[in-house]
Amino acid sequence: MLPKTVAPPAFVAAPSAPRRCRPLNAGPVRLASWWRSFNDPELDSLIDRAIQANPDLEIALTRLQEVRTGEAVLLGNVLPMVAASAAAGRAYRQ
């Protein structure tokens, strides 16, 4: 038998002003700053201060971005390349 749970009289299931998250169709999220997709200035401020106060973390993020950029270049060189051309001509008979 399950116990009965009573909600307090002032219980609110959802906040009156929900925070707006980035819409799903807003485009790609940069992985080096994924938290910015939440559009939360307080979170942005906390992470910016943490990065500035911790040079090792800033170095790690920079290296991560360098590796991801290098990976994108490498992947671009591995994929097959397609080239196309077209030509048109017209001849006159005399």
PDB file of N, CA and C in Angstrom:
ATOM      1  N   MET A   1       0.846  -1.177   0.000  1.00  0.00           N
ATOM      2  CA  MET A   1       0.000   0.000   0.000  1.00  0.00           C
ATOM      3  C   MET A   1       0.894   1.243   0.000  1.00  0.00           C
ATOM      4  N   LEU A   2       0.577   2.184  -0.883  1.00  0.00           N
ATOM      5  CA  LEU A   2       1.374   3.401  -0.999  1.00  0.00           C
ATOM      6  C   LEU A   2       0.944   4.448   0.015  1.00  0.00           C
ATOM      7  N   PRO A   3       1.902   5.184   0.587  1.00  0.00           N
ATOM      8  CA  PRO A   3       1.523   6.249   1.520  1.00  0.00           C
ATOM      9  C   PRO A   3       0.904   7.423   0.759  1.00  0.00           C
ATOM     10  N   LYS A   4      -0.003   8.120   1.408  1.00  0.00           N
ATOM     11  CA  LYS A   4      -0.623   9.298   0.797  1.00  0.00           C
ATOM     12  C   LYS A   4       0.280  10.504   1.031  1.00  0.00           C
ATOM     13  N   THR A   5       0.489  11.265  -0.020  1.00  0.00           N
ATOM     14  CA  THR A   5       1.311  12.466   0.062  1.00  0.00           C
ATOM     15  C   THR A   5       0.404  13.682  -0.090  1.00  0.00           C
ATOM     16  N   VAL A   6       0.534  14.599   0.811  1.00  0.00           N
ATOM     17  CA  VAL A   6      -0.287  15.807   0.766  1.00  0.00           C
ATOM     18  C   VAL A   6       0.604  16.971   0.371  1.00  0.00           C
ATOM     19  N   ALA A   7       0.203  17.681  -0.662  1.00  0.00           N
ATOM     20  CA  ALA A   7       0.966  18.852  -1.102  1.00  0.00           C
ATOM     21  C   ALA A   7       0.596  20.048  -0.243  1.00  0.00           C
ATOM     22  N   PRO A   8       1.565  20.915   0.063  1.00  0.00           N
ATOM     23  CA  PRO A   8       1.251  22.101   0.857  1.00  0.00           C
ATOM     24  C   PRO A   8       0.290  23.016   0.090  1.00  0.00           C
ATOM     25  N   PRO A   9      -0.489  23.855   0.785  1.00  0.00           N
ATOM     26  CA  PRO A   9      -1.476  24.707   0.105  1.00  0.00           C
ATOM     27  C   PRO A   9      -0.837  25.723  -0.839  1.00  0.00           C
ATOM     28  N   ALA A  10       0.409  26.121  -0.597  1.00  0.00           N
ATOM     29  CA  ALA A  10       1.060  27.121  -1.447  1.00  0.00           C
ATOM     30  C   ALA A  10       1.924  26.485  -2.530  1.00  0.00           C
ATOM     31  N   PHE A  11       1.686  25.234  -2.830  1.00  0.00           N
ATOM     32  CA  PHE A  11       2.497  24.521  -3.816  1.00  0.00           C
ATOM     33  C   PHE A  11       2.237  25.061  -5.218  1.00  0.00           C
ATOM     34  N   VAL A  12       3.311  25.300  -5.942  1.00  0.00           N
ATOM     35  CA  VAL A  12       3.202  25.774  -7.328  1.00  0.00           C
ATOM     36  C   VAL A  12       3.943  24.773  -8.199  1.00  0.00           C
ATOM     37  N   ALA A  13       3.264  24.217  -9.165  1.00  0.00           N
ATOM     38  CA  ALA A  13       3.861  23.187 -10.018  1.00  0.00           C
ATOM     39  C   ALA A  13       4.872  23.773 -10.990  1.00  0.00           C
ATOM     40  N   ALA A  14       4.674  24.993 -11.433  1.00  0.00           N
ATOM     41  CA  ALA A  14       5.588  25.611 -12.394  1.00  0.00           C
ATOM     42  C   ALA A  14       5.794  27.062 -11.983  1.00  0.00           C
ATOM     43  N   PRO A  15       6.981  27.607 -12.245  1.00  0.00           N
ATOM     44  CA  PRO A  15       7.208  29.017 -11.909  1.00  0.00           C
ATOM     45  C   PRO A  15       6.321  29.920 -12.761  1.00  0.00           C
ATOM     46  N   SER A  16       6.007  31.100 -12.230  1.00  0.00           N
ATOM     47  CA  SER A  16       5.119  32.012 -12.957  1.00  0.00           C
ATOM     48  C   SER A  16       5.768  32.544 -14.227  1.00  0.00           C
ATOM     49  N   ALA A  17       7.068  32.736 -14.208  1.00  0.00           N
ATOM     50  CA  ALA A  17       7.780  33.219 -15.396  1.00  0.00           C
ATOM     51  C   ALA A  17       8.874  32.207 -15.733  1.00  0.00           C
ATOM     52  N   PRO A  18       8.577  31.230 -16.582  1.00  0.00           N
ATOM     53  CA  PRO A  18       9.592  30.218 -16.894  1.00  0.00           C
ATOM     54  C   PRO A  18      10.776  30.825 -17.622  1.00  0.00           C
ATOM     55  N   ARG A  19      11.945  30.273 -17.364  1.00  0.00           N
ATOM     56  CA  ARG A  19      13.141  30.724 -18.065  1.00  0.00           C
ATOM     57  C   ARG A  19      13.083  30.264 -19.494  1.00  0.00           C
ATOM     58  N   ARG A  20      13.573  31.087 -20.378  1.00  0.00           N
ATOM     59  CA  ARG A  20      13.543  30.758 -21.792  1.00  0.00           C
ATOM     60  C   ARG A  20      14.840  30.071 -22.170  1.00  0.00           C
ATOM     61  N   CYS A  21      14.729  28.900 -22.715  1.00  0.00           N
ATOM     62  CA  CYS A  21      15.886  28.170 -23.217  1.00  0.00           C
ATOM     63  C   CYS A  21      16.002  28.403 -24.706  1.00  0.00           C
ATOM     64  N   ARG A  22      17.129  28.072 -25.230  1.00  0.00           N
ATOM     65  CA  ARG A  22      17.363  28.219 -26.655  1.00  0.00           C
ATOM     66  C   ARG A  22      16.418  27.273 -27.406  1.00  0.00           C
ATOM     67  N   PRO A  23      15.701  27.776 -28.412  1.00  0.00           N
ATOM     68  CA  PRO A  23      14.811  26.906 -29.186  1.00  0.00           C
ATOM     69  C   PRO A  23      15.594  25.805 -29.888  1.00  0.00           C
ATOM     70  N   LEU A  24      14.944  24.680 -30.111  1.00  0.00           N
ATOM     71  CA  LEU A  24      15.618  23.549 -30.747  1.00  0.00           C
ATOM     72  C   LEU A  24      16.087  23.865 -32.154  1.00  0.00           C
ATOM     73  N   ASN A  25      15.419  24.757 -32.841  1.00  0.00           N
ATOM     74  CA  ASN A  25      15.796  25.065 -34.214  1.00  0.00           C
ATOM     75  C   ASN A  25      16.668  26.310 -34.308  1.00  0.00           C
ATOM     76  N   ALA A  26      17.357  26.674 -33.236  1.00  0.00           N
ATOM     77  CA  ALA A  26      18.163  27.889 -33.220  1.00  0.00           C
ATOM     78  C   ALA A  26      19.546  27.680 -33.822  1.00  0.00           C
ATOM     79  N   GLY A  27      19.841  26.516 -34.334  1.00  0.00           N
ATOM     80  CA  GLY A  27      21.139  26.270 -34.954  1.00  0.00           C
ATOM     81  C   GLY A  27      22.067  25.527 -34.025  1.00  0.00           C
ATOM     82  N   PRO A  28      23.284  25.292 -34.485  1.00  0.00           N
ATOM     83  CA  PRO A  28      24.223  24.502 -33.688  1.00  0.00           C
ATOM     84  C   PRO A  28      24.712  25.257 -32.458  1.00  0.00           C
ATOM     85  N   VAL A  29      25.053  24.495 -31.448  1.00  0.00           N
ATOM     86  CA  VAL A  29      25.592  25.050 -30.208  1.00  0.00           C
ATOM     87  C   VAL A  29      27.093  24.834 -30.234  1.00  0.00           C
ATOM     88  N   ARG A  30      27.860  25.886 -29.925  1.00  0.00           N
ATOM     89  CA  ARG A  30      29.314  25.731 -29.849  1.00  0.00           C
ATOM     90  C   ARG A  30      29.637  24.898 -28.614  1.00  0.00           C
ATOM     91  N   LEU A  31      30.346  23.819 -28.819  1.00  0.00           N
ATOM     92  CA  LEU A  31      30.630  22.911 -27.705  1.00  0.00           C
ATOM     93  C   LEU A  31      31.547  23.537 -26.663  1.00  0.00           C
ATOM     94  N   ALA A  32      32.352  24.510 -27.054  1.00  0.00           N
ATOM     95  CA  ALA A  32      33.239  25.151 -26.093  1.00  0.00           C
ATOM     96  C   ALA A  32      32.474  26.089 -25.161  1.00  0.00           C
ATOM     97  N   SER A  33      31.264  26.464 -25.530  1.00  0.00           N
ATOM     98  CA  SER A  33      30.455  27.329 -24.667  1.00  0.00           C
ATOM     99  C   SER A  33      28.992  26.885 -24.699  1.00  0.00           C
ATOM    100  N   TRP A  34      28.763  25.619 -24.488  1.00  0.00           N
ATOM    101  CA  TRP A  34      27.423  25.036 -24.568  1.00  0.00           C
ATOM    102  C   TRP A  34      26.449  25.632 -23.579  1.00  0.00           C
ATOM    103  N   TRP A  35      26.938  26.069 -22.422  1.00  0.00           N
ATOM    104  CA  TRP A  35      26.057  26.588 -21.385  1.00  0.00           C
ATOM    105  C   TRP A  35      25.377  27.879 -21.811  1.00  0.00           C
ATOM    106  N   ARG A  36      25.913  28.585 -22.796  1.00  0.00           N
ATOM    107  CA  ARG A  36      25.292  29.835 -23.244  1.00  0.00           C
ATOM    108  C   ARG A  36      23.948  29.576 -23.928  1.00  0.00           C
ATOM    109  N   SER A  37      23.704  28.335 -24.351  1.00  0.00           N
ATOM    110  CA  SER A  37      22.423  28.017 -24.993  1.00  0.00           C
ATOM    111  C   SER A  37      21.257  28.106 -24.008  1.00  0.00           C
ATOM    112  N   PHE A  38      21.539  28.150 -22.691  1.00  0.00           N
ATOM    113  CA  PHE A  38      20.485  28.290 -21.696  1.00  0.00           C
ATOM    114  C   PHE A  38      20.002  29.733 -21.555  1.00  0.00           C
ATOM    115  N   ASN A  39      20.734  30.680 -22.145  1.00  0.00           N
ATOM    116  CA  ASN A  39      20.393  32.111 -22.049  1.00  0.00           C
ATOM    117  C   ASN A  39      20.203  32.542 -20.600  1.00  0.00           C
ATOM    118  N   ASP A  40      21.137  32.143 -19.746  1.00  0.00           N
ATOM    119  CA  ASP A  40      21.077  32.466 -18.326  1.00  0.00           C
ATOM    120  C   ASP A  40      22.267  33.358 -17.980  1.00  0.00           C
ATOM    121  N   PRO A  41      22.044  34.667 -17.810  1.00  0.00           N
ATOM    122  CA  PRO A  41      23.156  35.581 -17.529  1.00  0.00           C
ATOM    123  C   PRO A  41      23.924  35.219 -16.257  1.00  0.00           C
ATOM    124  N   GLU A  42      23.234  34.709 -15.254  1.00  0.00           N
ATOM    125  CA  GLU A  42      23.913  34.348 -14.012  1.00  0.00           C
ATOM    126  C   GLU A  42      24.875  33.181 -14.235  1.00  0.00           C
ATOM    127  N   LEU A  43      24.426  32.168 -14.975  1.00  0.00           N
ATOM    128  CA  LEU A  43      25.295  31.032 -15.293  1.00  0.00           C
ATOM    129  C   LEU A  43      26.478  31.483 -16.137  1.00  0.00           C
ATOM    130  N   ASP A  44      26.218  32.343 -17.137  1.00  0.00           N
ATOM    131  CA  ASP A  44      27.304  32.877 -17.968  1.00  0.00           C
ATOM    132  C   ASP A  44      28.338  33.605 -17.114  1.00  0.00           C
ATOM    133  N   SER A  45      27.853  34.426 -16.181  1.00  0.00           N
ATOM    134  CA  SER A  45      28.751  35.180 -15.308  1.00  0.00           C
ATOM    135  C   SER A  45      29.581  34.258 -14.418  1.00  0.00           C
ATOM    136  N   LEU A  46      28.943  33.256 -13.839  1.00  0.00           N
ATOM    137  CA  LEU A  46      29.670  32.314 -12.980  1.00  0.00           C
ATOM    138  C   LEU A  46      30.773  31.585 -13.741  1.00  0.00           C
ATOM    139  N   ILE A  47      30.462  31.112 -14.922  1.00  0.00           N
ATOM    140  CA  ILE A  47      31.451  30.355 -15.690  1.00  0.00           C
ATOM    141  C   ILE A  47      32.552  31.280 -16.197  1.00  0.00           C
ATOM    142  N   ASP A  48      32.196  32.493 -16.634  1.00  0.00           N
ATOM    143  CA  ASP A  48      33.222  33.446 -17.080  1.00  0.00           C
ATOM    144  C   ASP A  48      34.188  33.782 -15.944  1.00  0.00           C
ATOM    145  N   ARG A  49      33.647  33.988 -14.740  1.00  0.00           N
ATOM    146  CA  ARG A  49      34.511  34.281 -13.595  1.00  0.00           C
ATOM    147  C   ARG A  49      35.378  33.079 -13.227  1.00  0.00           C
ATOM    148  N   ALA A  50      34.823  31.887 -13.339  1.00  0.00           N
ATOM    149  CA  ALA A  50      35.599  30.680 -13.027  1.00  0.00           C
ATOM    150  C   ALA A  50      36.745  30.516 -14.019  1.00  0.00           C
ATOM    151  N   ILE A  51      36.493  30.781 -15.281  1.00  0.00           N
ATOM    152  CA  ILE A  51      37.546  30.654 -16.303  1.00  0.00           C
ATOM    153  C   ILE A  51      38.630  31.701 -16.082  1.00  0.00           C
ATOM    154  N   GLN A  52      38.230  32.939 -15.770  1.00  0.00           N
ATOM    155  CA  GLN A  52      39.213  34.005 -15.552  1.00  0.00           C
ATOM    156  C   GLN A  52      40.043  33.759 -14.292  1.00  0.00           C
ATOM    157  N   ALA A  53      39.445  33.167 -13.275  1.00  0.00           N
ATOM    158  CA  ALA A  53      40.148  32.924 -12.020  1.00  0.00           C
ATOM    159  C   ALA A  53      41.003  31.668 -12.062  1.00  0.00           C
ATOM    160  N   ASN A  54      40.867  30.866 -13.092  1.00  0.00           N
ATOM    161  CA  ASN A  54      41.588  29.605 -13.172  1.00  0.00           C
ATOM    162  C   ASN A  54      42.296  29.508 -14.521  1.00  0.00           C
ATOM    163  N   PRO A  55      43.541  29.972 -14.605  1.00  0.00           N
ATOM    164  CA  PRO A  55      44.244  29.952 -15.892  1.00  0.00           C
ATOM    165  C   PRO A  55      44.398  28.534 -16.457  1.00  0.00           C
ATOM    166  N   ASP A  56      44.511  27.533 -15.577  1.00  0.00           N
ATOM    167  CA  ASP A  56      44.624  26.157 -16.073  1.00  0.00           C
ATOM    168  C   ASP A  56      43.369  25.735 -16.830  1.00  0.00           C
ATOM    169  N   LEU A  57      42.214  26.161 -16.337  1.00  0.00           N
ATOM    170  CA  LEU A  57      40.950  25.854 -17.001  1.00  0.00           C
ATOM    171  C   LEU A  57      40.866  26.568 -18.351  1.00  0.00           C
ATOM    172  N   GLU A  58      41.311  27.811 -18.392  1.00  0.00           N
ATOM    173  CA  GLU A  58      41.304  28.560 -19.652  1.00  0.00           C
ATOM    174  C   GLU A  58      42.235  27.896 -20.672  1.00  0.00           C
ATOM    175  N   ILE A  59      43.391  27.438 -20.217  1.00  0.00           N
ATOM    176  CA  ILE A  59      44.320  26.734 -21.101  1.00  0.00           C
ATOM    177  C   ILE A  59      43.692  25.446 -21.607  1.00  0.00           C
ATOM    178  N   ALA A  60      43.018  24.723 -20.720  1.00  0.00           N
ATOM    179  CA  ALA A  60      42.365  23.474 -21.122  1.00  0.00           C
ATOM    180  C   ALA A  60      41.271  23.733 -22.150  1.00  0.00           C
ATOM    181  N   LEU A  61      40.455  24.775 -21.953  1.00  0.00           N
ATOM    182  CA  LEU A  61      39.412  25.095 -22.920  1.00  0.00           C
ATOM    183  C   LEU A  61      40.000  25.500 -24.267  1.00  0.00           C
ATOM    184  N   THR A  62      41.090  26.251 -24.239  1.00  0.00           N
ATOM    185  CA  THR A  62      41.750  26.648 -25.484  1.00  0.00           C
ATOM    186  C   THR A  62      42.292  25.432 -26.214  1.00  0.00           C
ATOM    187  N   ARG A  63      42.917  24.529 -25.481  1.00  0.00           N
ATOM    188  CA  ARG A  63      43.435  23.303 -26.109  1.00  0.00           C
ATOM    189  C   ARG A  63      42.306  22.445 -26.669  1.00  0.00           C
ATOM    190  N   LEU A  64      41.200  22.366 -25.948  1.00  0.00           N
ATOM    191  CA  LEU A  64      40.051  21.606 -26.430  1.00  0.00           C
ATOM    192  C   LEU A  64      39.536  22.195 -27.745  1.00  0.00           C
ATOM    193  N   GLN A  65      39.451  23.515 -27.812  1.00  0.00           N
ATOM    194  CA  GLN A  65      38.993  24.163 -29.042  1.00  0.00           C
ATOM    195  C   GLN A  65      39.979  23.918 -30.181  1.00  0.00           C
ATOM    196  N   GLU A  66      41.276  23.940 -29.881  1.00  0.00           N
ATOM    197  CA  GLU A  66      42.285  23.670 -30.916  1.00  0.00           C
ATOM    198  C   GLU A  66      42.142  22.247 -31.459  1.00  0.00           C
ATOM    199  N   VAL A  67      41.944  21.285 -30.567  1.00  0.00           N
ATOM    200  CA  VAL A  67      41.798  19.890 -30.994  1.00  0.00           C
ATOM    201  C   VAL A  67      40.550  19.727 -31.847  1.00  0.00           C
ATOM    202  N   ARG A  68      39.455  20.340 -31.435  1.00  0.00           N
ATOM    203  CA  ARG A  68      38.215  20.228 -32.218  1.00  0.00           C
ATOM    204  C   ARG A  68      38.363  20.888 -33.586  1.00  0.00           C
ATOM    205  N   THR A  69      39.080  21.994 -33.650  1.00  0.00           N
ATOM    206  CA  THR A  69      39.312  22.644 -34.939  1.00  0.00           C
ATOM    207  C   THR A  69      40.173  21.749 -35.821  1.00  0.00           C
ATOM    208  N   GLY A  70      41.235  21.178 -35.243  1.00  0.00           N
ATOM    209  CA  GLY A  70      42.087  20.266 -36.010  1.00  0.00           C
ATOM    210  C   GLY A  70      41.333  19.041 -36.483  1.00  0.00           C
ATOM    211  N   GLU A  71      40.438  18.538 -35.651  1.00  0.00           N
ATOM    212  CA  GLU A  71      39.626  17.382 -36.022  1.00  0.00           C
ATOM    213  C   GLU A  71      38.706  17.723 -37.193  1.00  0.00           C
ATOM    214  N   ALA A  72      38.140  18.917 -37.180  1.00  0.00           N
ATOM    215  CA  ALA A  72      37.261  19.340 -38.278  1.00  0.00           C
ATOM    216  C   ALA A  72      38.054  19.458 -39.585  1.00  0.00           C
ATOM    217  N   VAL A  73      39.291  19.978 -39.502  1.00  0.00           N
ATOM    218  CA  VAL A  73      40.131  20.089 -40.697  1.00  0.00           C
ATOM    219  C   VAL A  73      40.492  18.701 -41.205  1.00  0.00           C
ATOM    220  N   LEU A  74      40.882  17.813 -40.297  1.00  0.00           N
ATOM    221  CA  LEU A  74      41.245  16.454 -40.684  1.00  0.00           C
ATOM    222  C   LEU A  74      40.059  15.725 -41.308  1.00  0.00           C
ATOM    223  N   LEU A  75      38.909  15.848 -40.698  1.00  0.00           N
ATOM    224  CA  LEU A  75      37.711  15.202 -41.230  1.00  0.00           C
ATOM    225  C   LEU A  75      37.367  15.759 -42.613  1.00  0.00           C
ATOM    226  N   GLY A  76      37.559  17.045 -42.793  1.00  0.00           N
ATOM    227  CA  GLY A  76      37.294  17.656 -44.094  1.00  0.00           C
ATOM    228  C   GLY A  76      38.218  17.123 -45.168  1.00  0.00           C
ATOM    229  N   ASN A  77      39.462  16.788 -44.807  1.00  0.00           N
ATOM    230  CA  ASN A  77      40.414  16.253 -45.780  1.00  0.00           C
ATOM    231  C   ASN A  77      40.173  14.778 -46.079  1.00  0.00           C
ATOM    232  N   VAL A  78      39.507  14.072 -45.189  1.00  0.00           N
ATOM    233  CA  VAL A  78      39.276  12.642 -45.369  1.00  0.00           C
ATOM    234  C   VAL A  78      38.044  12.378 -46.235  1.00  0.00           C
ATOM    235  N   LEU A  79      37.068  13.233 -46.129  1.00  0.00           N
ATOM    236  CA  LEU A  79      35.836  13.031 -46.876  1.00  0.00           C
ATOM    237  C   LEU A  79      36.087  13.166 -48.377  1.00  0.00           C
ATOM    238  N   PRO A  80      35.335  12.449 -49.184  1.00  0.00           N
ATOM    239  CA  PRO A  80      35.516  12.561 -50.633  1.00  0.00           C
ATOM    240  C   PRO A  80      35.148  13.956 -51.121  1.00  0.00           C
ATOM    241  N   MET A  81      35.855  14.385 -52.136  1.00  0.00           N
ATOM    242  CA  MET A  81      35.588  15.695 -52.720  1.00  0.00           C
ATOM    243  C   MET A  81      34.850  15.505 -54.034  1.00  0.00           C
ATOM    244  N   VAL A  82      33.956  16.396 -54.311  1.00  0.00           N
ATOM    245  CA  VAL A  82      33.176  16.341 -55.534  1.00  0.00           C
ATOM    246  C   VAL A  82      33.432  17.625 -56.304  1.00  0.00           C
ATOM    247  N   ALA A  83      33.665  17.467 -57.570  1.00  0.00           N
ATOM    248  CA  ALA A  83      33.844  18.629 -58.431  1.00  0.00           C
ATOM    249  C   ALA A  83      32.921  18.470 -59.634  1.00  0.00           C
ATOM    250  N   ALA A  84      32.426  19.566 -60.098  1.00  0.00           N
ATOM    251  CA  ALA A  84      31.545  19.524 -61.265  1.00  0.00           C
ATOM    252  C   ALA A  84      31.872  20.701 -62.170  1.00  0.00           C
ATOM    253  N   SER A  85      31.652  20.500 -63.438  1.00  0.00           N
ATOM    254  CA  SER A  85      31.838  21.588 -64.382  1.00  0.00           C
ATOM    255  C   SER A  85      30.807  21.427 -65.495  1.00  0.00           C
ATOM    256  N   ALA A  86      30.568  22.499 -66.183  1.00  0.00           N
ATOM    257  CA  ALA A  86      29.610  22.458 -67.287  1.00  0.00           C
ATOM    258  C   ALA A  86      30.130  23.363 -68.380  1.00  0.00           C
ATOM    259  N   ALA A  87      29.731  23.042 -69.588  1.00  0.00           N
ATOM    260  CA  ALA A  87      30.137  23.855 -70.743  1.00  0.00           C
ATOM    261  C   ALA A  87      28.993  23.827 -71.759  1.00  0.00           C
ATOM    262  N   ALA A  88      28.944  24.860 -72.515  1.00  0.00           N
ATOM    263  CA  ALA A  88      27.926  24.939 -73.564  1.00  0.00           C
ATOM    264  C   ALA A  88      28.570  25.539 -74.801  1.00  0.00           C
ATOM    265  N   GLY A  89      28.073  25.167 -75.916  1.00  0.00           N
ATOM    266  CA  GLY A  89      28.603  25.708 -77.163  1.00  0.00           C
ATOM    267  C   GLY A  89      27.514  25.788 -78.217  1.00  0.00           C
ATOM    268  N   ARG A  90      27.767  26.590 -79.197  1.00  0.00           N
ATOM    269  CA  ARG A  90      26.790  26.745 -80.268  1.00  0.00           C
ATOM    270  C   ARG A  90      27.567  26.882 -81.562  1.00  0.00           C
ATOM    271  N   ALA A  91      27.155  26.151 -82.566  1.00  0.00           N
ATOM    272  CA  ALA A  91      27.845  26.189 -83.869  1.00  0.00           C
ATOM    273  C   ALA A  91      26.866  26.664 -84.931  1.00  0.00           C
ATOM    274  N   TYR A  92      27.409  27.374 -85.884  1.00  0.00           N
ATOM    275  CA  TYR A  92      26.591  27.860 -86.994  1.00  0.00           C
ATOM    276  C   TYR A  92      27.059  27.153 -88.273  1.00  0.00           C
ATOM    277  N   ARG A  93      26.113  26.697 -89.057  1.00  0.00           N
ATOM    278  CA  ARG A  93      26.435  26.100 -90.352  1.00  0.00           C
ATOM    279  C   ARG A  93      26.257  27.148 -91.429  1.00  0.00           C
ATOM    280  N   GLN A  94      27.164  27.153 -92.359  1.00  0.00           N
ATOM    281  CA  GLN A  94      27.031  28.110 -93.456  1.00  0.00           C
ATOM    282  C   GLN A  94      26.750  27.446 -94.745  1.00  0.00           C
TER     283      GLN A  94
END
